[in-house]
Amino acid sequence: MEKEKLEILDKFIQENRGKRKFAQSVELSVNFKGIDFSKQDDRLNVEISLPNGKGKESSVIVFADDRNIADSAGKLGARVIGSAQLPSASSDKAMLRNMLKSELVAQPSLMPAIAKNLGQLLGPRNKMPKPLLGSDISGAIKRAIDSVQLRSKGKYLPTVHCVVGKEGMETQKIAENIDAVMAALAKKPGNAHIRSAYVKLTMSKPVKIIG
C-alpha cells in the first residue's frame, strides 16, 4: 500500500479504535464500474487467503467419517460431525447457529450428504464447507480461518465486502491484507473495473482509500 494511503488508513483506525465495548472488525468494500455481474462470465466468486489472518480466534467444524481426519481435527480443537449426525443436524437449532458462526471444512466424500441435509441453510449464506484436499487437516483449518470469500450476490450490485482484520491489529498487517484482496481483484475483474474502495470498522463511518 502506498505511503499516503497507509497514513490515511492508520489515522482512521487510530481515531476509531476502542470506541465500542467489543473489538470491531475492519471491513473492506470495493465498488466496480463497467461490469455486469448479472452475466455468468462476469460474476465474482474468489477465495483469498489473508496473509495476516482476520485477527480473531475462530471456531472450526470438520465434517468427517475418516478416523484419521476426525482424530487429527479433534486434537486441533475442531468440532467433528460425522455423516450419521447430518440428518438430525438440520433440525438442531443450536448446532445450526454454531455452524453459521464457525469455519467449516469437510471430507470431500461427505459433500453430497452435507448439501442434501444442510444446503438450504448454508448455501444462501455462502457457508458451505471447504473440501479437504489431501490429508493436511491442519493446513486446511488454517486456510479456512484465514480466508475470505468475495462473491457477487443479491441483485448483482457492483460491490463486494469482506473482513480484512480487527481493530487491534497493526495497521501495516491490515494494509497487507487489503493489498492481498486488491491484488486478487486486479486479476478478475481487473483494475479497469475498480471504481473505489472504502474501509470501515463495524460501527464506524467509512473512509475512502482507493478512487
N, C-alpha and C. Protein backbone atom coordinates (compact mmCIF):
# COMPACT_ATOMS: atom_id res chain seq x y z
N MET A 1 0.84 -1.19 0.00
CA MET A 1 0.00 0.00 0.00
C MET A 1 0.88 1.24 0.00
N GLU A 2 0.51 2.23 -0.82
CA GLU A 2 1.28 3.45 -0.90
C GLU A 2 1.30 4.18 0.45
N LYS A 3 2.37 4.92 0.69
CA LYS A 3 2.56 5.58 1.98
C LYS A 3 1.39 6.49 2.34
N GLU A 4 0.91 7.26 1.35
CA GLU A 4 -0.19 8.19 1.62
C GLU A 4 -1.46 7.45 2.05
N LYS A 5 -1.76 6.36 1.36
CA LYS A 5 -2.94 5.57 1.70
C LYS A 5 -2.79 4.88 3.06
N LEU A 6 -1.56 4.43 3.32
CA LEU A 6 -1.29 3.80 4.62
C LEU A 6 -1.49 4.79 5.75
N GLU A 7 -1.09 6.03 5.54
CA GLU A 7 -1.26 7.06 6.56
C GLU A 7 -2.74 7.37 6.79
N ILE A 8 -3.53 7.38 5.70
CA ILE A 8 -4.97 7.61 5.82
C ILE A 8 -5.60 6.47 6.62
N LEU A 9 -5.21 5.24 6.29
CA LEU A 9 -5.74 4.07 6.98
C LEU A 9 -5.37 4.09 8.45
N ASP A 10 -4.11 4.39 8.76
CA ASP A 10 -3.65 4.39 10.14
C ASP A 10 -4.37 5.47 10.96
N LYS A 11 -4.51 6.66 10.40
CA LYS A 11 -5.21 7.74 11.11
C LYS A 11 -6.65 7.36 11.38
N PHE A 12 -7.31 6.75 10.40
CA PHE A 12 -8.70 6.35 10.55
C PHE A 12 -8.86 5.33 11.67
N ILE A 13 -8.00 4.31 11.67
CA ILE A 13 -8.11 3.27 12.69
C ILE A 13 -7.81 3.82 14.07
N GLN A 14 -6.78 4.66 14.19
CA GLN A 14 -6.45 5.24 15.49
C GLN A 14 -7.59 6.10 16.03
N GLU A 15 -8.26 6.83 15.16
CA GLU A 15 -9.36 7.70 15.58
C GLU A 15 -10.60 6.92 16.02
N ASN A 16 -10.77 5.72 15.48
CA ASN A 16 -11.99 4.95 15.77
C ASN A 16 -11.77 3.74 16.67
N ARG A 17 -10.53 3.44 16.99
CA ARG A 17 -10.22 2.26 17.80
C ARG A 17 -10.70 2.44 19.25
N GLY A 18 -11.26 1.39 19.80
CA GLY A 18 -11.62 1.37 21.21
C GLY A 18 -12.86 2.16 21.58
N LYS A 19 -13.68 2.51 20.60
CA LYS A 19 -14.86 3.31 20.88
C LYS A 19 -16.10 2.46 21.20
N ARG A 20 -15.96 1.15 21.09
CA ARG A 20 -17.07 0.25 21.39
C ARG A 20 -16.66 -0.73 22.49
N LYS A 21 -17.64 -1.41 23.03
CA LYS A 21 -17.37 -2.35 24.12
C LYS A 21 -16.93 -3.72 23.59
N PHE A 22 -16.69 -3.81 22.29
CA PHE A 22 -16.22 -5.04 21.68
C PHE A 22 -15.16 -4.67 20.65
N ALA A 23 -14.37 -5.67 20.28
CA ALA A 23 -13.33 -5.44 19.27
C ALA A 23 -13.98 -5.43 17.89
N GLN A 24 -13.96 -4.28 17.25
CA GLN A 24 -14.61 -4.15 15.95
C GLN A 24 -13.78 -4.80 14.83
N SER A 25 -14.48 -5.33 13.85
CA SER A 25 -13.80 -5.84 12.66
C SER A 25 -13.47 -4.67 11.73
N VAL A 26 -12.43 -4.85 10.94
CA VAL A 26 -12.09 -3.90 9.89
C VAL A 26 -12.62 -4.49 8.59
N GLU A 27 -13.47 -3.73 7.90
CA GLU A 27 -14.16 -4.25 6.72
C GLU A 27 -13.79 -3.44 5.48
N LEU A 28 -13.62 -4.14 4.38
CA LEU A 28 -13.28 -3.52 3.10
C LEU A 28 -14.48 -3.64 2.16
N SER A 29 -14.80 -2.54 1.50
CA SER A 29 -15.86 -2.51 0.50
C SER A 29 -15.27 -2.02 -0.82
N VAL A 30 -15.47 -2.79 -1.88
CA VAL A 30 -14.91 -2.43 -3.19
C VAL A 30 -16.06 -2.24 -4.17
N ASN A 31 -16.06 -1.09 -4.85
CA ASN A 31 -17.10 -0.76 -5.83
C ASN A 31 -16.53 -0.86 -7.25
N PHE A 32 -17.34 -1.38 -8.16
CA PHE A 32 -16.88 -1.62 -9.52
C PHE A 32 -17.63 -0.75 -10.54
N LYS A 33 -17.07 -0.69 -11.73
CA LYS A 33 -17.68 0.06 -12.83
C LYS A 33 -17.49 -0.73 -14.12
N GLY A 34 -18.39 -0.49 -15.07
CA GLY A 34 -18.24 -1.09 -16.39
C GLY A 34 -18.29 -2.59 -16.42
N ILE A 35 -19.02 -3.20 -15.49
CA ILE A 35 -19.12 -4.66 -15.46
C ILE A 35 -20.54 -5.03 -15.05
N ASP A 36 -21.04 -6.07 -15.65
CA ASP A 36 -22.41 -6.51 -15.39
C ASP A 36 -22.38 -7.87 -14.70
N PHE A 37 -22.56 -7.85 -13.38
CA PHE A 37 -22.48 -9.09 -12.62
C PHE A 37 -23.68 -10.01 -12.85
N SER A 38 -24.68 -9.54 -13.59
CA SER A 38 -25.79 -10.44 -13.92
C SER A 38 -25.38 -11.44 -14.99
N LYS A 39 -24.26 -11.18 -15.66
CA LYS A 39 -23.74 -12.11 -16.67
C LYS A 39 -22.86 -13.15 -15.99
N GLN A 40 -23.11 -14.40 -16.30
CA GLN A 40 -22.42 -15.51 -15.64
C GLN A 40 -20.90 -15.36 -15.70
N ASP A 41 -20.37 -14.97 -16.86
CA ASP A 41 -18.91 -14.89 -17.02
C ASP A 41 -18.28 -13.78 -16.20
N ASP A 42 -19.07 -12.78 -15.82
CA ASP A 42 -18.53 -11.64 -15.08
C ASP A 42 -18.64 -11.80 -13.57
N ARG A 43 -19.40 -12.76 -13.11
CA ARG A 43 -19.64 -12.87 -11.68
C ARG A 43 -18.38 -13.22 -10.91
N LEU A 44 -18.31 -12.72 -9.71
CA LEU A 44 -17.16 -12.96 -8.84
C LEU A 44 -17.45 -14.09 -7.86
N ASN A 45 -16.48 -14.96 -7.70
CA ASN A 45 -16.54 -15.99 -6.66
C ASN A 45 -15.10 -16.43 -6.43
N VAL A 46 -14.38 -15.67 -5.63
CA VAL A 46 -12.96 -15.92 -5.43
C VAL A 46 -12.64 -15.99 -3.95
N GLU A 47 -11.82 -16.95 -3.59
CA GLU A 47 -11.38 -17.13 -2.21
C GLU A 47 -9.98 -16.58 -2.06
N ILE A 48 -9.76 -15.78 -1.02
CA ILE A 48 -8.46 -15.14 -0.80
C ILE A 48 -7.97 -15.45 0.60
N SER A 49 -6.76 -15.93 0.69
CA SER A 49 -6.15 -16.20 1.99
C SER A 49 -5.44 -14.93 2.46
N LEU A 50 -5.92 -14.35 3.56
CA LEU A 50 -5.32 -13.13 4.07
C LEU A 50 -3.97 -13.46 4.71
N PRO A 51 -2.90 -12.77 4.31
CA PRO A 51 -1.57 -13.11 4.82
C PRO A 51 -1.44 -12.99 6.33
N ASN A 52 -2.24 -12.13 6.94
CA ASN A 52 -2.16 -11.93 8.39
C ASN A 52 -3.42 -12.36 9.12
N GLY A 53 -4.25 -13.15 8.46
CA GLY A 53 -5.46 -13.64 9.09
C GLY A 53 -6.47 -12.53 9.37
N LYS A 54 -7.54 -12.91 10.06
CA LYS A 54 -8.62 -11.96 10.34
C LYS A 54 -8.49 -11.31 11.71
N GLY A 55 -7.45 -11.71 12.47
CA GLY A 55 -7.22 -11.09 13.76
C GLY A 55 -8.14 -11.57 14.87
N LYS A 56 -8.75 -12.73 14.69
CA LYS A 56 -9.65 -13.24 15.71
C LYS A 56 -9.56 -14.76 15.78
N GLU A 57 -9.91 -15.30 16.94
CA GLU A 57 -9.99 -16.74 17.09
C GLU A 57 -11.31 -17.22 16.49
N SER A 58 -11.25 -18.25 15.69
CA SER A 58 -12.45 -18.77 15.05
C SER A 58 -12.66 -20.22 15.43
N SER A 59 -13.91 -20.58 15.69
CA SER A 59 -14.23 -21.98 15.92
C SER A 59 -14.31 -22.69 14.57
N VAL A 60 -14.00 -23.96 14.57
CA VAL A 60 -13.96 -24.73 13.33
C VAL A 60 -14.76 -26.02 13.52
N ILE A 61 -15.56 -26.35 12.52
CA ILE A 61 -16.27 -27.62 12.47
C ILE A 61 -15.75 -28.40 11.28
N VAL A 62 -15.40 -29.66 11.51
CA VAL A 62 -14.92 -30.53 10.44
C VAL A 62 -15.92 -31.68 10.28
N PHE A 63 -16.43 -31.82 9.06
CA PHE A 63 -17.33 -32.93 8.74
C PHE A 63 -16.47 -34.09 8.25
N ALA A 64 -16.46 -35.19 8.98
CA ALA A 64 -15.58 -36.29 8.61
C ALA A 64 -16.06 -37.61 9.21
N ASP A 65 -15.89 -38.68 8.44
CA ASP A 65 -16.08 -40.05 8.92
C ASP A 65 -14.74 -40.75 9.06
N ASP A 66 -13.79 -40.32 8.24
CA ASP A 66 -12.45 -40.93 8.28
C ASP A 66 -11.85 -40.73 9.67
N ARG A 67 -11.45 -41.83 10.31
CA ARG A 67 -10.97 -41.77 11.69
C ARG A 67 -9.71 -40.91 11.84
N ASN A 68 -8.79 -41.01 10.88
CA ASN A 68 -7.56 -40.23 10.97
C ASN A 68 -7.85 -38.73 10.88
N ILE A 69 -8.75 -38.36 9.95
CA ILE A 69 -9.11 -36.94 9.81
C ILE A 69 -9.82 -36.45 11.06
N ALA A 70 -10.77 -37.26 11.55
CA ALA A 70 -11.55 -36.87 12.73
C ALA A 70 -10.66 -36.73 13.95
N ASP A 71 -9.75 -37.68 14.15
CA ASP A 71 -8.86 -37.62 15.31
C ASP A 71 -7.94 -36.41 15.24
N SER A 72 -7.38 -36.15 14.05
CA SER A 72 -6.47 -35.01 13.89
C SER A 72 -7.20 -33.70 14.11
N ALA A 73 -8.43 -33.60 13.57
CA ALA A 73 -9.22 -32.38 13.73
C ALA A 73 -9.56 -32.16 15.19
N GLY A 74 -9.93 -33.22 15.90
CA GLY A 74 -10.26 -33.10 17.32
C GLY A 74 -9.07 -32.64 18.15
N LYS A 75 -7.88 -33.14 17.84
CA LYS A 75 -6.68 -32.74 18.57
C LYS A 75 -6.34 -31.27 18.32
N LEU A 76 -6.79 -30.74 17.18
CA LEU A 76 -6.54 -29.33 16.85
C LEU A 76 -7.64 -28.41 17.40
N GLY A 77 -8.58 -28.98 18.12
CA GLY A 77 -9.62 -28.17 18.76
C GLY A 77 -10.88 -27.98 17.95
N ALA A 78 -10.98 -28.68 16.81
CA ALA A 78 -12.17 -28.55 15.97
C ALA A 78 -13.27 -29.49 16.46
N ARG A 79 -14.50 -29.10 16.24
CA ARG A 79 -15.62 -29.99 16.50
C ARG A 79 -15.82 -30.88 15.28
N VAL A 80 -16.02 -32.16 15.49
CA VAL A 80 -16.17 -33.11 14.39
C VAL A 80 -17.61 -33.59 14.31
N ILE A 81 -18.16 -33.54 13.11
CA ILE A 81 -19.52 -34.03 12.85
C ILE A 81 -19.44 -35.10 11.77
N GLY A 82 -19.96 -36.29 12.07
CA GLY A 82 -19.95 -37.38 11.11
C GLY A 82 -21.22 -37.42 10.28
N SER A 83 -21.22 -38.25 9.25
CA SER A 83 -22.37 -38.32 8.35
C SER A 83 -23.63 -38.79 9.06
N ALA A 84 -23.48 -39.61 10.10
CA ALA A 84 -24.64 -40.11 10.83
C ALA A 84 -25.38 -38.99 11.55
N GLN A 85 -24.69 -37.89 11.83
CA GLN A 85 -25.31 -36.77 12.55
C GLN A 85 -25.99 -35.77 11.62
N LEU A 86 -25.74 -35.88 10.33
CA LEU A 86 -26.25 -34.87 9.40
C LEU A 86 -27.78 -34.80 9.33
N PRO A 87 -28.50 -35.92 9.27
CA PRO A 87 -29.96 -35.81 9.18
C PRO A 87 -30.58 -35.06 10.37
N SER A 88 -30.07 -35.29 11.56
CA SER A 88 -30.62 -34.61 12.75
C SER A 88 -30.10 -33.19 12.88
N ALA A 89 -28.95 -32.90 12.27
CA ALA A 89 -28.36 -31.55 12.38
C ALA A 89 -29.26 -30.50 11.77
N SER A 90 -29.99 -30.86 10.73
CA SER A 90 -30.82 -29.88 10.04
C SER A 90 -31.95 -29.33 10.90
N SER A 91 -32.30 -30.05 11.98
CA SER A 91 -33.36 -29.59 12.87
C SER A 91 -32.84 -29.20 14.25
N ASP A 92 -31.52 -29.21 14.42
CA ASP A 92 -30.90 -28.84 15.69
C ASP A 92 -30.52 -27.35 15.62
N LYS A 93 -31.36 -26.50 16.19
CA LYS A 93 -31.15 -25.05 16.06
C LYS A 93 -29.84 -24.59 16.67
N ALA A 94 -29.47 -25.16 17.80
CA ALA A 94 -28.21 -24.76 18.44
C ALA A 94 -27.02 -25.12 17.57
N MET A 95 -27.06 -26.32 16.98
CA MET A 95 -25.96 -26.74 16.11
C MET A 95 -25.90 -25.88 14.86
N LEU A 96 -27.06 -25.54 14.30
CA LEU A 96 -27.09 -24.71 13.10
C LEU A 96 -26.53 -23.32 13.37
N ARG A 97 -26.88 -22.75 14.52
CA ARG A 97 -26.32 -21.43 14.88
C ARG A 97 -24.80 -21.52 15.00
N ASN A 98 -24.33 -22.61 15.57
CA ASN A 98 -22.88 -22.80 15.74
C ASN A 98 -22.19 -22.91 14.38
N MET A 99 -22.84 -23.59 13.44
CA MET A 99 -22.26 -23.72 12.10
C MET A 99 -22.10 -22.36 11.44
N LEU A 100 -23.12 -21.52 11.57
CA LEU A 100 -23.08 -20.21 10.92
C LEU A 100 -22.01 -19.30 11.51
N LYS A 101 -21.59 -19.59 12.75
CA LYS A 101 -20.57 -18.78 13.40
C LYS A 101 -19.17 -19.37 13.23
N SER A 102 -19.09 -20.57 12.66
CA SER A 102 -17.82 -21.29 12.58
C SER A 102 -17.29 -21.36 11.16
N GLU A 103 -16.03 -21.72 11.05
CA GLU A 103 -15.43 -22.05 9.76
C GLU A 103 -15.65 -23.54 9.53
N LEU A 104 -16.03 -23.92 8.31
CA LEU A 104 -16.42 -25.29 8.03
C LEU A 104 -15.49 -25.94 7.01
N VAL A 105 -15.06 -27.16 7.34
CA VAL A 105 -14.20 -27.95 6.46
C VAL A 105 -14.82 -29.34 6.37
N ALA A 106 -14.73 -29.98 5.21
CA ALA A 106 -15.38 -31.29 5.06
C ALA A 106 -14.53 -32.27 4.29
N GLN A 107 -14.61 -33.52 4.70
CA GLN A 107 -14.09 -34.64 3.91
C GLN A 107 -14.86 -34.64 2.59
N PRO A 108 -14.18 -34.62 1.44
CA PRO A 108 -14.88 -34.46 0.15
C PRO A 108 -16.02 -35.43 -0.08
N SER A 109 -15.87 -36.67 0.36
CA SER A 109 -16.91 -37.66 0.12
C SER A 109 -18.21 -37.36 0.85
N LEU A 110 -18.17 -36.45 1.82
CA LEU A 110 -19.37 -36.10 2.58
C LEU A 110 -20.09 -34.89 1.99
N MET A 111 -19.52 -34.24 1.00
CA MET A 111 -20.13 -33.03 0.45
C MET A 111 -21.55 -33.26 -0.09
N PRO A 112 -21.83 -34.36 -0.82
CA PRO A 112 -23.21 -34.57 -1.27
C PRO A 112 -24.20 -34.69 -0.12
N ALA A 113 -23.82 -35.39 0.95
CA ALA A 113 -24.72 -35.54 2.10
C ALA A 113 -24.91 -34.22 2.82
N ILE A 114 -23.85 -33.40 2.88
CA ILE A 114 -23.95 -32.08 3.51
C ILE A 114 -24.89 -31.20 2.69
N ALA A 115 -24.74 -31.25 1.37
CA ALA A 115 -25.60 -30.44 0.50
C ALA A 115 -27.06 -30.86 0.65
N LYS A 116 -27.30 -32.17 0.75
CA LYS A 116 -28.67 -32.68 0.88
C LYS A 116 -29.31 -32.24 2.18
N ASN A 117 -28.57 -32.32 3.28
CA ASN A 117 -29.14 -32.06 4.60
C ASN A 117 -29.04 -30.60 5.05
N LEU A 118 -28.01 -29.90 4.59
CA LEU A 118 -27.76 -28.55 5.11
C LEU A 118 -27.64 -27.49 4.01
N GLY A 119 -27.73 -27.90 2.77
CA GLY A 119 -27.52 -26.97 1.66
C GLY A 119 -28.45 -25.78 1.67
N GLN A 120 -29.71 -25.99 2.03
CA GLN A 120 -30.68 -24.88 2.03
C GLN A 120 -30.33 -23.82 3.06
N LEU A 121 -29.69 -24.22 4.14
CA LEU A 121 -29.28 -23.26 5.17
C LEU A 121 -27.93 -22.64 4.82
N LEU A 122 -26.96 -23.47 4.50
CA LEU A 122 -25.58 -22.99 4.32
C LEU A 122 -25.34 -22.33 2.97
N GLY A 123 -25.96 -22.85 1.91
CA GLY A 123 -25.71 -22.35 0.56
C GLY A 123 -26.00 -20.87 0.39
N PRO A 124 -27.23 -20.41 0.71
CA PRO A 124 -27.54 -18.99 0.53
C PRO A 124 -26.68 -18.05 1.38
N ARG A 125 -26.10 -18.57 2.44
CA ARG A 125 -25.26 -17.75 3.32
C ARG A 125 -23.77 -17.87 3.00
N ASN A 126 -23.50 -18.54 1.86
CA ASN A 126 -22.11 -18.73 1.43
C ASN A 126 -21.28 -19.42 2.51
N LYS A 127 -21.88 -20.42 3.18
CA LYS A 127 -21.22 -21.11 4.28
C LYS A 127 -21.01 -22.59 4.01
N MET A 128 -21.14 -23.03 2.78
CA MET A 128 -20.85 -24.44 2.51
C MET A 128 -19.40 -24.74 2.87
N PRO A 129 -19.14 -25.91 3.44
CA PRO A 129 -17.77 -26.21 3.89
C PRO A 129 -16.77 -26.26 2.75
N LYS A 130 -15.52 -25.98 3.10
CA LYS A 130 -14.44 -26.08 2.13
C LYS A 130 -13.97 -27.54 2.11
N PRO A 131 -13.93 -28.17 0.95
CA PRO A 131 -13.49 -29.57 0.88
C PRO A 131 -12.02 -29.70 1.29
N LEU A 132 -11.73 -30.74 2.04
CA LEU A 132 -10.36 -31.04 2.44
C LEU A 132 -9.62 -31.66 1.26
N LEU A 133 -8.56 -31.03 0.82
CA LEU A 133 -7.75 -31.56 -0.28
C LEU A 133 -6.51 -32.22 0.31
N GLY A 134 -6.35 -33.51 0.04
CA GLY A 134 -5.23 -34.23 0.63
C GLY A 134 -5.52 -34.60 2.07
N SER A 135 -4.48 -34.73 2.86
CA SER A 135 -4.64 -35.16 4.25
C SER A 135 -4.15 -34.13 5.27
N ASP A 136 -3.81 -32.93 4.79
CA ASP A 136 -3.27 -31.91 5.70
C ASP A 136 -4.42 -31.16 6.37
N ILE A 137 -5.00 -31.75 7.40
CA ILE A 137 -6.14 -31.12 8.08
C ILE A 137 -5.72 -29.86 8.80
N SER A 138 -4.49 -29.81 9.32
CA SER A 138 -4.01 -28.60 10.00
C SER A 138 -3.97 -27.42 9.03
N GLY A 139 -3.41 -27.66 7.83
CA GLY A 139 -3.34 -26.60 6.82
C GLY A 139 -4.72 -26.18 6.35
N ALA A 140 -5.63 -27.16 6.23
CA ALA A 140 -6.99 -26.86 5.77
C ALA A 140 -7.73 -25.99 6.78
N ILE A 141 -7.54 -26.29 8.06
CA ILE A 141 -8.18 -25.49 9.11
C ILE A 141 -7.63 -24.07 9.11
N LYS A 142 -6.30 -23.94 8.96
CA LYS A 142 -5.70 -22.60 8.94
C LYS A 142 -6.20 -21.80 7.75
N ARG A 143 -6.30 -22.43 6.58
CA ARG A 143 -6.79 -21.73 5.40
C ARG A 143 -8.24 -21.29 5.57
N ALA A 144 -9.03 -22.15 6.19
CA ALA A 144 -10.43 -21.81 6.42
C ALA A 144 -10.56 -20.60 7.34
N ILE A 145 -9.71 -20.55 8.36
CA ILE A 145 -9.76 -19.45 9.33
C ILE A 145 -9.28 -18.14 8.70
N ASP A 146 -8.25 -18.24 7.85
CA ASP A 146 -7.60 -17.04 7.31
C ASP A 146 -8.22 -16.53 6.02
N SER A 147 -9.11 -17.29 5.41
CA SER A 147 -9.61 -16.93 4.07
C SER A 147 -10.90 -16.13 4.13
N VAL A 148 -11.09 -15.31 3.09
CA VAL A 148 -12.36 -14.61 2.88
C VAL A 148 -12.85 -14.94 1.48
N GLN A 149 -14.16 -14.87 1.30
CA GLN A 149 -14.76 -15.18 0.01
C GLN A 149 -15.38 -13.91 -0.56
N LEU A 150 -14.98 -13.55 -1.77
CA LEU A 150 -15.56 -12.40 -2.46
C LEU A 150 -16.50 -12.93 -3.53
N ARG A 151 -17.76 -12.54 -3.38
CA ARG A 151 -18.78 -13.14 -4.25
C ARG A 151 -19.84 -12.11 -4.60
N SER A 152 -20.10 -11.92 -5.89
CA SER A 152 -21.19 -11.03 -6.29
C SER A 152 -22.50 -11.74 -5.99
N LYS A 153 -23.45 -11.00 -5.42
CA LYS A 153 -24.69 -11.64 -5.00
C LYS A 153 -25.83 -10.63 -5.00
N GLY A 154 -26.95 -11.04 -4.41
CA GLY A 154 -28.11 -10.17 -4.35
C GLY A 154 -28.60 -9.85 -5.76
N LYS A 155 -28.91 -8.59 -6.00
CA LYS A 155 -29.36 -8.16 -7.33
C LYS A 155 -28.18 -7.74 -8.19
N TYR A 156 -27.04 -8.41 -7.96
CA TYR A 156 -25.82 -8.18 -8.73
C TYR A 156 -25.38 -6.72 -8.65
N LEU A 157 -25.45 -6.18 -7.43
CA LEU A 157 -24.95 -4.82 -7.21
C LEU A 157 -23.44 -4.81 -7.45
N PRO A 158 -22.90 -3.73 -8.00
CA PRO A 158 -21.48 -3.69 -8.35
C PRO A 158 -20.58 -3.40 -7.14
N THR A 159 -20.69 -4.23 -6.11
CA THR A 159 -19.86 -4.03 -4.92
C THR A 159 -19.68 -5.35 -4.18
N VAL A 160 -18.54 -5.51 -3.51
CA VAL A 160 -18.30 -6.68 -2.66
C VAL A 160 -17.74 -6.20 -1.33
N HIS A 161 -17.93 -7.01 -0.30
CA HIS A 161 -17.48 -6.66 1.04
C HIS A 161 -16.74 -7.86 1.64
N CYS A 162 -15.76 -7.58 2.50
CA CYS A 162 -15.11 -8.66 3.24
C CYS A 162 -14.40 -8.09 4.46
N VAL A 163 -14.15 -8.94 5.42
CA VAL A 163 -13.38 -8.58 6.60
C VAL A 163 -11.89 -8.65 6.27
N VAL A 164 -11.12 -7.68 6.72
CA VAL A 164 -9.67 -7.69 6.48
C VAL A 164 -8.87 -7.58 7.77
N GLY A 165 -9.54 -7.73 8.92
CA GLY A 165 -8.81 -7.70 10.19
C GLY A 165 -9.66 -7.24 11.34
N LYS A 166 -9.00 -7.01 12.47
CA LYS A 166 -9.62 -6.48 13.68
C LYS A 166 -8.93 -5.18 14.06
N GLU A 167 -9.65 -4.32 14.76
CA GLU A 167 -9.11 -3.00 15.09
C GLU A 167 -7.83 -3.06 15.92
N GLY A 168 -7.61 -4.15 16.64
CA GLY A 168 -6.41 -4.26 17.47
C GLY A 168 -5.16 -4.67 16.70
N MET A 169 -5.30 -5.04 15.45
CA MET A 169 -4.15 -5.44 14.65
C MET A 169 -3.30 -4.24 14.27
N GLU A 170 -2.02 -4.48 13.98
CA GLU A 170 -1.16 -3.41 13.47
C GLU A 170 -1.69 -2.94 12.12
N THR A 171 -1.64 -1.65 11.90
CA THR A 171 -2.14 -1.09 10.65
C THR A 171 -1.44 -1.70 9.44
N GLN A 172 -0.15 -1.93 9.55
CA GLN A 172 0.61 -2.49 8.44
C GLN A 172 0.07 -3.87 8.05
N LYS A 173 -0.30 -4.66 9.04
CA LYS A 173 -0.83 -6.00 8.76
C LYS A 173 -2.21 -5.92 8.10
N ILE A 174 -3.02 -4.96 8.54
CA ILE A 174 -4.32 -4.76 7.90
C ILE A 174 -4.12 -4.32 6.45
N ALA A 175 -3.15 -3.42 6.25
CA ALA A 175 -2.85 -2.94 4.90
C ALA A 175 -2.40 -4.09 4.00
N GLU A 176 -1.60 -5.00 4.52
CA GLU A 176 -1.15 -6.15 3.73
C GLU A 176 -2.33 -7.04 3.35
N ASN A 177 -3.29 -7.19 4.26
CA ASN A 177 -4.49 -7.97 3.94
C ASN A 177 -5.30 -7.29 2.83
N ILE A 178 -5.43 -5.96 2.93
CA ILE A 178 -6.15 -5.21 1.90
C ILE A 178 -5.44 -5.36 0.55
N ASP A 179 -4.11 -5.27 0.57
CA ASP A 179 -3.34 -5.41 -0.67
C ASP A 179 -3.58 -6.79 -1.30
N ALA A 180 -3.71 -7.83 -0.46
CA ALA A 180 -3.95 -9.19 -0.98
C ALA A 180 -5.31 -9.26 -1.68
N VAL A 181 -6.31 -8.62 -1.09
CA VAL A 181 -7.64 -8.61 -1.70
C VAL A 181 -7.61 -7.84 -3.02
N MET A 182 -6.99 -6.67 -3.01
CA MET A 182 -6.96 -5.84 -4.22
C MET A 182 -6.15 -6.51 -5.33
N ALA A 183 -5.10 -7.25 -4.95
CA ALA A 183 -4.30 -7.96 -5.95
C ALA A 183 -5.13 -9.04 -6.63
N ALA A 184 -5.97 -9.71 -5.85
CA ALA A 184 -6.84 -10.74 -6.43
C ALA A 184 -7.86 -10.12 -7.37
N LEU A 185 -8.41 -8.97 -6.97
CA LEU A 185 -9.41 -8.30 -7.82
C LEU A 185 -8.77 -7.68 -9.06
N ALA A 186 -7.47 -7.40 -9.00
CA ALA A 186 -6.77 -6.87 -10.17
C ALA A 186 -6.71 -7.91 -11.29
N LYS A 187 -6.81 -9.20 -10.90
CA LYS A 187 -6.80 -10.28 -11.90
C LYS A 187 -8.20 -10.47 -12.48
N LYS A 188 -9.18 -10.44 -11.62
CA LYS A 188 -10.57 -10.51 -12.05
C LYS A 188 -11.42 -9.77 -11.03
N PRO A 189 -12.15 -8.76 -11.48
CA PRO A 189 -12.44 -8.37 -12.86
C PRO A 189 -11.39 -7.49 -13.53
N GLY A 190 -10.33 -7.06 -12.81
CA GLY A 190 -9.30 -6.21 -13.39
C GLY A 190 -9.35 -4.79 -12.86
N ASN A 191 -8.18 -4.14 -12.81
CA ASN A 191 -8.09 -2.78 -12.25
C ASN A 191 -8.99 -1.78 -12.98
N ALA A 192 -9.18 -1.98 -14.27
CA ALA A 192 -10.00 -1.03 -15.05
C ALA A 192 -11.45 -1.00 -14.57
N HIS A 193 -11.87 -2.05 -13.88
CA HIS A 193 -13.26 -2.13 -13.41
C HIS A 193 -13.41 -1.75 -11.94
N ILE A 194 -12.31 -1.39 -11.27
CA ILE A 194 -12.38 -1.00 -9.86
C ILE A 194 -12.61 0.51 -9.77
N ARG A 195 -13.76 0.90 -9.25
CA ARG A 195 -14.09 2.31 -9.14
C ARG A 195 -13.51 2.93 -7.87
N SER A 196 -13.70 2.26 -6.74
CA SER A 196 -13.26 2.81 -5.46
C SER A 196 -13.25 1.73 -4.39
N ALA A 197 -12.59 2.01 -3.29
CA ALA A 197 -12.58 1.09 -2.16
C ALA A 197 -12.63 1.89 -0.86
N TYR A 198 -13.41 1.39 0.08
CA TYR A 198 -13.58 2.04 1.37
C TYR A 198 -13.27 1.06 2.49
N VAL A 199 -12.81 1.61 3.60
CA VAL A 199 -12.59 0.81 4.81
C VAL A 199 -13.45 1.38 5.93
N LYS A 200 -14.01 0.50 6.74
CA LYS A 200 -14.76 0.93 7.91
C LYS A 200 -14.58 -0.08 9.02
N LEU A 201 -14.81 0.38 10.25
CA LEU A 201 -14.93 -0.55 11.36
C LEU A 201 -16.40 -0.94 11.48
N THR A 202 -16.69 -1.94 12.27
CA THR A 202 -18.05 -2.47 12.36
C THR A 202 -19.09 -1.37 12.56
N MET A 203 -18.81 -0.42 13.46
CA MET A 203 -19.78 0.61 13.82
C MET A 203 -19.35 2.02 13.42
N SER A 204 -18.41 2.13 12.49
CA SER A 204 -17.92 3.46 12.12
C SER A 204 -18.42 3.86 10.74
N LYS A 205 -18.21 5.12 10.39
CA LYS A 205 -18.41 5.58 9.04
C LYS A 205 -17.22 5.13 8.20
N PRO A 206 -17.36 4.99 6.88
CA PRO A 206 -16.25 4.54 6.04
C PRO A 206 -15.29 5.66 5.67
N VAL A 207 -14.10 5.26 5.27
CA VAL A 207 -13.12 6.19 4.73
C VAL A 207 -12.65 5.64 3.39
N LYS A 208 -12.51 6.51 2.40
CA LYS A 208 -12.06 6.07 1.08
C LYS A 208 -10.54 5.91 1.07
N ILE A 209 -10.08 4.78 0.54
CA ILE A 209 -8.64 4.56 0.42
C ILE A 209 -8.21 4.37 -1.04
N ILE A 210 -9.18 4.13 -1.92
CA ILE A 210 -8.88 4.00 -3.34
C ILE A 210 -9.98 4.70 -4.14
N GLY A 211 -9.58 5.45 -5.18
CA GLY A 211 -10.56 6.09 -6.04
C GLY A 211 -10.73 7.57 -5.75
